Amino acid sequence: MSRILIVFSLLCAGLTILAGGSYSASPNDKQQGVNDSSAQPVNPVVQWNRTLLVIVRTPGAQPATVHSTRSFAIMHAAIYDAVNAIDRTHKVYLVRLSGVSHFASQDAAAAAAAHEVLLALYPKFQTLLDDQLQQSLASIPDGGEKTEGITIGKTVADQVLALRSNDGSAAPAVPFVFGNAPGDYQSTPPNFPKQPQLTQWSHVTPFALERANQFRPGPPLALTSEAYSDVFNEVKSLGISGSSTATPDQALTGRFWNGAIQNYWNEITQTASAAHGLTTAQNARLFALLNLSLADGVIAFYDAKYTYNYWRPVTAIREAATDGNAKTLPDPNWLPEVGTTTPDPSYPGAHAVISAAGASVLNSLFRHIHFQFAVTSEVLPGVERSFTSFSAADEEATLSRIFAGVHFRPDLTTGQRLGREIADLVTDNFMTPVHREDEPDDE
């Protein structure tokens, strides 16, 4: 199981965390929190994020026709609105409650909201979820504040679930017919004739976007262009299985990131949270902004993928004799470094969209911070990659898809732009700070 290892070495004392709210701690306090993982219990928001990661990584737990980012977005939206109903420092996302005491337990509200959502989405995991709820609530003193927090969490979660109940996620996949013209997406070897995944997902109601195609990029490169021949030959050389051109580190990078990329970014966010000792309210907002951005990024990139239906490198390279470009030569036996290709069109790249969105959210909320962190892989146990910024992790995760042999470079540059546009929209317009006079006094 992938984990982000907390090996931060903080290089600056002044922090401005979570734009719109400044939080600080002494350098000694922050360093102690990093070096001693037992100093404080895991924050409930982080713990429930970990719990959902355990579920989605369990074989067969996640329905094949439902993208897991929806579950993360719903859970963290419910946690946020439940905690913010008590904290009242930022704008409501979906659910506003009245008559809520400032003294209600935020931790109890977060745990109850997460449990209620996940029990509805993954009922077969009730034992795990009930045990986790009991563990989350055990450290909270009994009394009216705890009881009210639980009630708030369940109430908000039920309303969020109701509001998302008809969002289109239960619709069956749209039948897909492969084209046969040069540039058309084809089922990819060696896993053909596998059908494309999540063909219906662009019809799911977004969490923040007005519509799936709000930031739809323009079309991919023309096959006869000079630029296409350049990117074709780049991935052909660097992305082939056992490449003699790619360095060992590049080949390792391609394999390292070849997992569910949204899971990596949730764990990177866990690490950032733990390193800076965020409160429950700060974590609620952080993880909600992250996962709304990731969920809408997925909806948006599936809109673009199934609009352009652009072929994957393995098809392009094997069928290069048909593309009308004299500078692209076919290799009928070519296979990517990672073996198989994700069963959906190439343009834009999912890793690029999600990584850019994740890094953009984190960069906007953790400002003027310099640190070092290590990431472990879902698919290469025991292997670590180290970074000094979120942007550096974003760039490597994105470019890894060339070394993996599954994307052309424009898939990635376009995907990064799409991810950043979505993240900027979310962080600029949702869960923003409120002035006390703007909020009703419900006590």
Protein backbone atom coordinates (compact mmCIF):
# COMPACT_ATOMS: atom_id res chain seq x y z
CA MET A 1 0.00 0.00 0.00
CA SER A 2 1.34 3.42 -0.93
CA ARG A 3 2.14 5.81 1.86
CA ILE A 4 3.61 9.27 1.83
CA LEU A 5 6.50 9.24 4.27
CA ILE A 6 6.73 12.25 6.53
CA VAL A 7 10.37 13.23 6.19
CA PHE A 8 9.91 16.98 6.06
CA SER A 9 12.79 19.28 6.90
CA LEU A 10 11.27 22.75 7.27
CA LEU A 11 13.53 25.47 5.96
CA CYS A 12 11.55 28.53 6.95
CA ALA A 13 9.90 29.71 10.13
CA GLY A 14 7.22 32.00 8.74
CA LEU A 15 4.14 30.32 7.31
CA THR A 16 0.96 31.49 5.75
CA ILE A 17 -1.22 28.40 5.48
CA LEU A 18 -4.60 28.09 3.85
CA ALA A 19 -5.10 31.38 2.07
CA GLY A 20 -7.82 33.40 3.67
CA GLY A 21 -6.80 32.28 7.14
CA SER A 22 -3.32 32.58 8.64
CA TYR A 23 -2.14 29.94 11.06
CA SER A 24 1.22 29.77 12.72
CA ALA A 25 3.23 27.77 15.17
CA SER A 26 6.71 28.09 16.54
CA PRO A 27 9.48 26.40 14.55
CA ASN A 28 10.13 24.08 17.49
CA ASP A 29 6.48 23.03 17.65
CA LYS A 30 6.38 22.34 13.93
CA GLN A 31 9.61 20.38 13.94
CA GLN A 32 8.43 18.28 16.88
CA GLY A 33 5.22 17.45 15.04
CA VAL A 34 7.20 16.28 12.03
CA ASN A 35 9.75 14.20 13.88
CA ASP A 36 7.43 12.58 16.41
CA SER A 37 4.43 11.00 14.75
CA SER A 38 3.15 9.89 18.17
CA ALA A 39 3.11 13.43 19.59
CA GLN A 40 -0.54 13.90 18.65
CA PRO A 41 -3.29 11.58 17.42
CA VAL A 42 -4.10 11.60 13.72
CA ASN A 43 -6.59 14.31 12.84
CA PRO A 44 -10.03 12.80 12.06
CA VAL A 45 -10.18 14.39 8.61
CA VAL A 46 -6.87 12.80 7.68
CA GLN A 47 -7.83 9.49 9.27
CA TRP A 48 -11.05 9.24 7.27
CA ASN A 49 -9.17 10.13 4.10
CA ARG A 50 -6.88 7.20 4.87
CA THR A 51 -9.88 4.98 5.50
CA LEU A 52 -11.35 5.77 2.11
CA LEU A 53 -7.98 5.05 0.48
CA VAL A 54 -8.02 1.61 2.11
CA ILE A 55 -11.47 0.98 0.67
CA VAL A 56 -10.77 2.10 -2.91
CA ARG A 57 -7.56 0.07 -2.95
CA THR A 58 -9.44 -3.08 -1.99
CA PRO A 59 -9.95 -5.17 -5.14
CA GLY A 60 -13.57 -5.08 -6.25
CA ALA A 61 -14.64 -2.41 -3.78
CA GLN A 62 -14.92 0.44 -6.28
CA PRO A 63 -17.59 -0.06 -8.96
CA ALA A 64 -15.98 -0.12 -12.40
CA THR A 65 -18.47 2.45 -13.71
CA VAL A 66 -17.94 4.98 -10.90
CA HIS A 67 -14.73 6.98 -10.57
CA SER A 68 -13.38 7.01 -7.03
CA THR A 69 -12.83 10.78 -7.03
CA ARG A 70 -16.60 11.16 -6.65
CA SER A 71 -16.46 9.36 -3.29
CA PHE A 72 -13.60 11.51 -2.05
CA ALA A 73 -15.38 14.70 -3.11
CA ILE A 74 -18.68 13.75 -1.49
CA MET A 75 -17.06 12.66 1.77
CA HIS A 76 -14.89 15.73 2.08
CA ALA A 77 -17.69 18.08 1.06
CA ALA A 78 -19.81 16.63 3.87
CA ILE A 79 -16.94 16.87 6.37
CA TYR A 80 -16.31 20.47 5.35
CA ASP A 81 -19.91 21.66 5.64
CA ALA A 82 -20.35 19.83 8.95
CA VAL A 83 -17.20 21.27 10.51
CA ASN A 84 -17.73 24.71 9.00
CA ALA A 85 -21.26 24.80 10.43
CA ILE A 86 -19.52 24.94 13.80
CA ASP A 87 -16.40 26.92 12.84
CA ARG A 88 -18.23 29.41 10.56
CA THR A 89 -15.07 31.01 9.17
CA HIS A 90 -15.68 30.17 5.51
CA LYS A 91 -18.57 30.05 3.10
CA VAL A 92 -20.85 27.03 2.96
CA TYR A 93 -20.35 24.61 0.10
CA LEU A 94 -23.74 22.87 -0.12
CA VAL A 95 -25.49 22.54 3.25
CA ARG A 96 -26.24 25.36 5.69
CA LEU A 97 -27.48 24.50 9.18
CA SER A 98 -29.02 26.89 11.66
CA GLY A 99 -28.98 26.79 15.43
CA VAL A 100 -25.52 25.25 15.63
CA SER A 101 -23.40 25.97 18.70
CA HIS A 102 -19.82 27.10 18.30
CA PHE A 103 -19.00 24.66 21.09
CA ALA A 104 -20.15 21.53 19.27
CA SER A 105 -17.34 19.07 18.64
CA GLN A 106 -15.77 19.58 15.21
CA ASP A 107 -13.97 16.24 15.47
CA ALA A 108 -17.23 14.41 16.18
CA ALA A 109 -18.92 16.21 13.28
CA ALA A 110 -16.11 15.27 10.89
CA ALA A 111 -16.12 11.61 11.94
CA ALA A 112 -19.90 11.26 11.82
CA ALA A 113 -20.14 12.92 8.42
CA ALA A 114 -17.42 10.71 6.93
CA HIS A 115 -18.91 7.55 8.41
CA GLU A 116 -22.39 8.36 7.14
CA VAL A 117 -21.18 9.04 3.60
CA LEU A 118 -18.94 5.99 3.34
CA LEU A 119 -21.56 3.69 4.82
CA ALA A 120 -23.95 4.81 2.09
CA LEU A 121 -21.36 4.45 -0.68
CA TYR A 122 -19.67 1.25 0.56
CA PRO A 123 -22.18 -0.66 2.71
CA LYS A 124 -20.13 -3.88 2.53
CA PHE A 125 -17.47 -2.15 4.62
CA GLN A 126 -19.78 -1.45 7.56
CA THR A 127 -17.63 -3.33 10.07
CA LEU A 128 -14.51 -1.38 9.09
CA LEU A 129 -16.42 1.90 9.09
CA ASP A 130 -18.14 1.28 12.43
CA ASP A 131 -14.82 0.38 14.02
CA GLN A 132 -13.22 3.51 12.62
CA LEU A 133 -16.10 5.66 13.90
CA GLN A 134 -15.78 4.15 17.36
CA GLN A 135 -12.05 4.84 17.32
CA SER A 136 -12.57 8.42 16.12
CA LEU A 137 -15.16 9.18 18.80
CA ALA A 138 -13.36 7.43 21.65
CA SER A 139 -10.91 10.30 22.16
CA ILE A 140 -13.68 12.92 22.36
CA PRO A 141 -15.10 13.54 25.86
CA ASP A 142 -18.72 12.44 26.24
CA GLY A 143 -21.31 15.15 26.63
CA GLY A 144 -23.56 17.54 24.79
CA GLU A 145 -20.83 18.96 22.57
CA LYS A 146 -19.92 15.50 21.27
CA THR A 147 -23.56 14.53 20.81
CA GLU A 148 -24.32 17.70 18.88
CA GLY A 149 -21.25 17.22 16.70
CA ILE A 150 -22.40 13.72 15.77
CA THR A 151 -25.86 14.99 14.91
CA ILE A 152 -24.44 17.78 12.77
CA GLY A 153 -22.18 15.39 10.87
CA LYS A 154 -24.93 12.90 10.11
CA THR A 155 -27.40 15.61 9.14
CA VAL A 156 -25.01 17.28 6.72
CA ALA A 157 -23.88 13.98 5.23
CA ASP A 158 -27.44 12.86 4.55
CA GLN A 159 -28.20 16.14 2.79
CA VAL A 160 -25.04 16.03 0.70
CA LEU A 161 -25.78 12.44 -0.31
CA ALA A 162 -29.34 13.43 -1.25
CA LEU A 163 -28.10 16.34 -3.36
CA ARG A 164 -25.69 14.04 -5.23
CA SER A 165 -28.09 11.10 -5.54
CA ASN A 166 -29.16 11.96 -9.10
CA ASP A 167 -25.88 13.34 -10.41
CA GLY A 168 -25.62 10.90 -13.32
CA SER A 169 -22.97 8.68 -11.73
CA ALA A 170 -25.27 5.67 -11.75
CA ALA A 171 -25.81 5.81 -15.50
CA PRO A 172 -24.45 2.89 -17.52
CA ALA A 173 -21.43 3.34 -19.73
CA VAL A 174 -22.15 4.82 -23.15
CA PRO A 175 -21.48 2.22 -25.89
CA PHE A 176 -18.29 3.05 -27.74
CA VAL A 177 -17.55 2.21 -31.35
CA PHE A 178 -13.87 2.29 -32.29
CA GLY A 179 -12.99 4.27 -35.39
CA ASN A 180 -10.59 2.99 -38.01
CA ALA A 181 -9.14 6.19 -39.47
CA PRO A 182 -5.60 7.34 -38.67
CA GLY A 183 -5.65 9.13 -35.31
CA ASP A 184 -8.80 7.36 -34.09
CA TYR A 185 -8.65 5.78 -30.66
CA GLN A 186 -8.32 2.02 -30.79
CA SER A 187 -8.30 -0.70 -28.16
CA THR A 188 -4.66 -1.08 -27.22
CA PRO A 189 -2.42 -4.14 -27.16
CA PRO A 190 -1.71 -6.31 -25.29
CA ASN A 191 -5.02 -5.87 -23.44
CA PHE A 192 -7.36 -5.51 -26.43
CA PRO A 193 -10.24 -6.00 -27.11
CA LYS A 194 -10.96 -4.31 -23.78
CA GLN A 195 -13.66 -1.64 -24.09
CA PRO A 196 -13.01 1.97 -23.06
CA GLN A 197 -13.74 2.89 -19.45
CA LEU A 198 -16.09 5.52 -18.03
CA THR A 199 -17.47 6.66 -21.38
CA GLN A 200 -20.42 8.21 -19.51
CA TRP A 201 -18.45 10.13 -16.90
CA SER A 202 -18.52 13.50 -18.65
CA HIS A 203 -22.29 13.48 -18.07
CA VAL A 204 -21.89 13.44 -14.28
CA THR A 205 -22.87 16.71 -12.61
CA PRO A 206 -19.69 18.59 -11.68
CA PHE A 207 -18.97 19.65 -8.10
CA ALA A 208 -17.79 23.16 -8.94
CA LEU A 209 -17.69 23.59 -12.71
CA GLU A 210 -20.80 24.87 -14.45
CA ARG A 211 -20.45 22.13 -17.07
CA ALA A 212 -18.00 19.43 -18.07
CA ASN A 213 -16.75 21.29 -21.16
CA GLN A 214 -16.26 24.63 -19.40
CA PHE A 215 -12.49 24.53 -20.00
CA ARG A 216 -12.45 22.02 -22.83
CA PRO A 217 -9.11 22.34 -24.64
CA GLY A 218 -8.72 22.68 -28.39
CA PRO A 219 -7.99 19.64 -30.56
CA PRO A 220 -4.78 17.59 -30.48
CA LEU A 221 -1.98 17.90 -33.02
CA ALA A 222 -2.62 17.12 -36.67
CA LEU A 223 -0.87 13.89 -37.64
CA THR A 224 0.93 15.45 -40.58
CA SER A 225 2.43 18.32 -38.57
CA GLU A 226 6.09 18.71 -37.72
CA ALA A 227 5.16 19.01 -34.05
CA TYR A 228 3.39 15.65 -34.17
CA SER A 229 6.37 13.88 -35.67
CA ASP A 230 8.55 15.31 -32.89
CA VAL A 231 6.34 14.12 -30.03
CA PHE A 232 5.69 10.81 -31.78
CA ASN A 233 9.40 10.07 -32.02
CA GLU A 234 9.95 11.22 -28.43
CA VAL A 235 7.56 8.70 -26.90
CA LYS A 236 8.54 6.03 -29.41
CA SER A 237 12.13 6.27 -28.23
CA LEU A 238 11.71 6.98 -24.52
CA GLY A 239 8.54 5.01 -23.78
CA ILE A 240 9.23 1.64 -25.36
CA SER A 241 9.57 -1.33 -23.05
CA GLY A 242 13.26 -1.76 -22.23
CA SER A 243 14.20 1.52 -23.94
CA SER A 244 17.87 1.99 -24.73
CA THR A 245 17.31 5.76 -24.92
CA ALA A 246 15.61 6.43 -21.60
CA THR A 247 17.88 6.61 -18.57
CA PRO A 248 17.29 4.08 -15.79
CA ASP A 249 15.81 6.88 -13.69
CA GLN A 250 13.40 7.89 -16.44
CA ALA A 251 12.22 4.30 -16.88
CA LEU A 252 11.80 3.99 -13.11
CA THR A 253 9.83 7.23 -13.05
CA GLY A 254 7.47 5.89 -15.70
CA ARG A 255 6.74 2.81 -13.61
CA PHE A 256 6.70 4.61 -10.23
CA TRP A 257 3.68 6.83 -10.97
CA ASN A 258 1.72 4.15 -12.84
CA GLY A 259 -1.00 3.90 -10.21
CA ALA A 260 -4.24 5.72 -9.39
CA ILE A 261 -2.79 9.22 -9.43
CA GLN A 262 -5.54 10.78 -7.25
CA ASN A 263 -4.43 8.49 -4.42
CA TYR A 264 -0.89 9.83 -4.57
CA TRP A 265 -2.15 13.41 -4.27
CA ASN A 266 -4.42 12.64 -1.33
CA GLU A 267 -1.42 11.15 0.44
CA ILE A 268 0.80 14.11 -0.43
CA THR A 269 -1.89 16.28 1.14
CA GLN A 270 -1.94 14.09 4.24
CA THR A 271 1.79 14.69 4.54
CA ALA A 272 1.47 18.45 4.18
CA SER A 273 -1.26 18.48 6.80
CA ALA A 274 0.71 16.43 9.31
CA ALA A 275 3.85 18.50 8.78
CA HIS A 276 2.06 21.70 9.68
CA GLY A 277 -0.26 20.48 12.43
CA LEU A 278 -3.46 21.69 10.82
CA THR A 279 -6.64 21.94 12.85
CA THR A 280 -9.78 19.99 12.01
CA ALA A 281 -11.34 23.04 10.36
CA GLN A 282 -8.22 23.71 8.30
CA ASN A 283 -8.02 20.08 7.21
CA ALA A 284 -11.71 20.00 6.34
CA ARG A 285 -11.25 22.90 3.94
CA LEU A 286 -7.94 21.67 2.54
CA PHE A 287 -9.16 18.18 1.64
CA ALA A 288 -12.47 19.47 0.31
CA LEU A 289 -10.82 21.94 -2.05
CA LEU A 290 -8.39 19.26 -3.20
CA ASN A 291 -11.00 16.62 -3.88
CA LEU A 292 -13.56 18.89 -5.52
CA SER A 293 -10.78 19.92 -7.91
CA LEU A 294 -9.76 16.33 -8.60
CA ALA A 295 -13.33 15.14 -9.11
CA ASP A 296 -14.14 17.92 -11.56
CA GLY A 297 -10.79 17.38 -13.27
CA VAL A 298 -11.85 13.80 -14.01
CA ILE A 299 -15.25 14.88 -15.34
CA ALA A 300 -13.58 17.48 -17.55
CA PHE A 301 -10.85 15.27 -18.95
CA TYR A 302 -13.33 12.55 -19.86
CA ASP A 303 -15.34 15.19 -21.71
CA ALA A 304 -12.25 16.05 -23.76
CA LYS A 305 -11.06 12.47 -24.19
CA TYR A 306 -14.35 11.31 -25.68
CA THR A 307 -14.74 14.47 -27.74
CA TYR A 308 -11.45 13.98 -29.61
CA ASN A 309 -11.02 10.17 -29.34
CA TYR A 310 -7.29 10.48 -30.05
CA TRP A 311 -5.17 7.39 -30.45
CA ARG A 312 -2.67 6.20 -27.88
CA PRO A 313 1.07 6.01 -28.66
CA VAL A 314 1.03 2.21 -28.94
CA THR A 315 -1.54 2.41 -31.73
CA ALA A 316 0.08 5.42 -33.38
CA ILE A 317 3.49 3.75 -33.48
CA ARG A 318 2.22 0.41 -34.75
CA GLU A 319 0.04 2.10 -37.40
CA ALA A 320 2.40 4.93 -38.34
CA ALA A 321 2.44 3.89 -41.98
CA THR A 322 -1.14 5.18 -42.24
CA ASP A 323 -0.69 8.64 -40.69
CA GLY A 324 0.53 10.47 -43.81
CA ASN A 325 3.67 11.72 -42.04
CA ALA A 326 6.97 10.68 -43.63
CA LYS A 327 8.87 11.38 -40.38
CA THR A 328 6.97 8.78 -38.36
CA LEU A 329 8.03 5.20 -38.98
CA PRO A 330 6.01 2.20 -37.80
CA ASP A 331 7.11 -0.45 -35.32
CA PRO A 332 4.47 -3.24 -35.41
CA ASN A 333 5.81 -4.84 -32.22
CA TRP A 334 6.12 -1.72 -30.08
CA LEU A 335 4.82 -1.92 -26.46
CA PRO A 336 5.00 0.69 -23.68
CA GLU A 337 7.37 0.49 -20.72
CA VAL A 338 4.49 -0.18 -18.32
CA GLY A 339 3.09 -3.01 -20.43
CA THR A 340 -0.53 -2.00 -20.80
CA THR A 341 -2.26 1.28 -21.58
CA THR A 342 -5.24 2.68 -19.68
CA PRO A 343 -8.38 1.90 -21.73
CA ASP A 344 -9.41 5.39 -22.77
CA PRO A 345 -8.29 7.94 -25.39
CA SER A 346 -4.97 9.70 -25.07
CA TYR A 347 -5.86 13.40 -25.10
CA PRO A 348 -5.64 14.98 -22.55
CA GLY A 349 -3.63 12.97 -19.98
CA ALA A 350 -5.35 12.11 -16.71
CA HIS A 351 -2.12 12.16 -14.66
CA ALA A 352 -1.39 15.65 -15.95
CA VAL A 353 -4.85 17.02 -15.12
CA ILE A 354 -4.97 15.53 -11.63
CA SER A 355 -1.37 16.31 -10.71
CA ALA A 356 -1.64 19.92 -11.87
CA ALA A 357 -4.91 20.36 -10.00
CA GLY A 358 -3.51 18.83 -6.83
CA ALA A 359 -0.33 20.88 -6.91
CA SER A 360 -2.26 24.07 -7.69
CA VAL A 361 -4.55 23.62 -4.70
CA LEU A 362 -1.64 22.90 -2.38
CA ASN A 363 0.44 25.77 -3.74
CA SER A 364 -2.45 28.18 -3.24
CA LEU A 365 -3.04 27.09 0.36
CA PHE A 366 0.54 26.58 1.58
CA ARG A 367 2.42 29.70 0.66
CA HIS A 368 6.05 30.68 1.20
CA ILE A 369 6.91 27.22 2.49
CA HIS A 370 10.04 25.27 1.56
CA PHE A 371 10.33 21.65 2.55
CA GLN A 372 11.47 18.25 1.41
CA PHE A 373 9.21 15.23 1.23
CA ALA A 374 9.32 11.68 -0.10
CA VAL A 375 6.61 9.83 -1.98
CA THR A 376 6.21 6.06 -2.21
CA SER A 377 4.46 4.24 -5.03
CA GLU A 378 1.25 2.26 -5.23
CA VAL A 379 2.87 -0.10 -7.72
CA LEU A 380 6.55 -0.23 -6.70
CA PRO A 381 6.68 -1.07 -2.98
CA GLY A 382 9.76 0.23 -1.21
CA VAL A 383 10.72 2.76 -3.88
CA GLU A 384 10.79 6.46 -2.95
CA ARG A 385 10.96 9.69 -4.92
CA SER A 386 11.95 12.92 -3.14
CA PHE A 387 10.79 16.46 -3.90
CA THR A 388 11.23 19.96 -2.59
CA SER A 389 7.94 21.38 -3.88
CA PHE A 390 4.47 20.36 -4.95
CA SER A 391 5.23 21.69 -8.42
CA ALA A 392 8.22 19.39 -8.75
CA ALA A 393 6.09 16.36 -7.88
CA ASP A 394 3.47 17.54 -10.36
CA GLU A 395 6.03 17.88 -13.13
CA GLU A 396 7.55 14.45 -12.56
CA ALA A 397 4.20 12.68 -12.26
CA THR A 398 3.11 14.35 -15.49
CA LEU A 399 6.24 13.64 -17.54
CA SER A 400 6.32 10.07 -16.23
CA ARG A 401 3.60 9.24 -18.76
CA ILE A 402 6.05 9.75 -21.63
CA PHE A 403 8.55 7.41 -19.98
CA ALA A 404 5.70 4.98 -19.31
CA GLY A 405 4.96 5.00 -23.05
CA VAL A 406 1.28 5.89 -22.73
CA HIS A 407 1.06 9.59 -23.68
CA PHE A 408 2.35 12.16 -26.14
CA ARG A 409 3.78 15.34 -24.64
CA PRO A 410 0.86 17.58 -25.79
CA ASP A 411 -1.54 15.29 -23.90
CA LEU A 412 0.35 16.34 -20.80
CA THR A 413 0.89 20.05 -21.37
CA THR A 414 -2.77 20.41 -22.28
CA GLY A 415 -3.79 18.34 -19.27
CA GLN A 416 -1.73 20.48 -16.92
CA ARG A 417 -3.42 23.62 -18.20
CA LEU A 418 -6.86 22.06 -17.74
CA GLY A 419 -6.06 20.92 -14.20
CA ARG A 420 -4.79 24.34 -13.18
CA GLU A 421 -7.81 26.12 -14.63
CA ILE A 422 -10.14 23.90 -12.63
CA ALA A 423 -8.16 24.22 -9.40
CA ASP A 424 -8.01 28.00 -9.74
CA LEU A 425 -11.77 28.15 -10.21
CA VAL A 426 -12.36 26.02 -7.12
CA THR A 427 -9.95 27.83 -4.80
CA ASP A 428 -11.04 31.28 -5.98
CA ASN A 429 -14.78 30.71 -5.69
CA PHE A 430 -15.54 27.99 -3.13
CA MET A 431 -15.13 27.80 0.65
CA THR A 432 -13.73 31.32 0.73
CA PRO A 433 -13.42 33.30 3.99
CA VAL A 434 -16.41 35.17 5.35
CA HIS A 435 -16.60 38.27 7.47
CA ARG A 436 -18.42 37.69 10.73
CA GLU A 437 -21.06 40.26 9.84
CA ASP A 438 -21.87 38.28 6.69
CA GLU A 439 -22.83 35.18 8.65
CA PRO A 440 -26.02 34.89 10.73
CA ASP A 441 -25.51 34.41 14.45
CA ASP A 442 -27.18 31.06 15.08
CA GLU A 443 -26.24 30.61 18.69
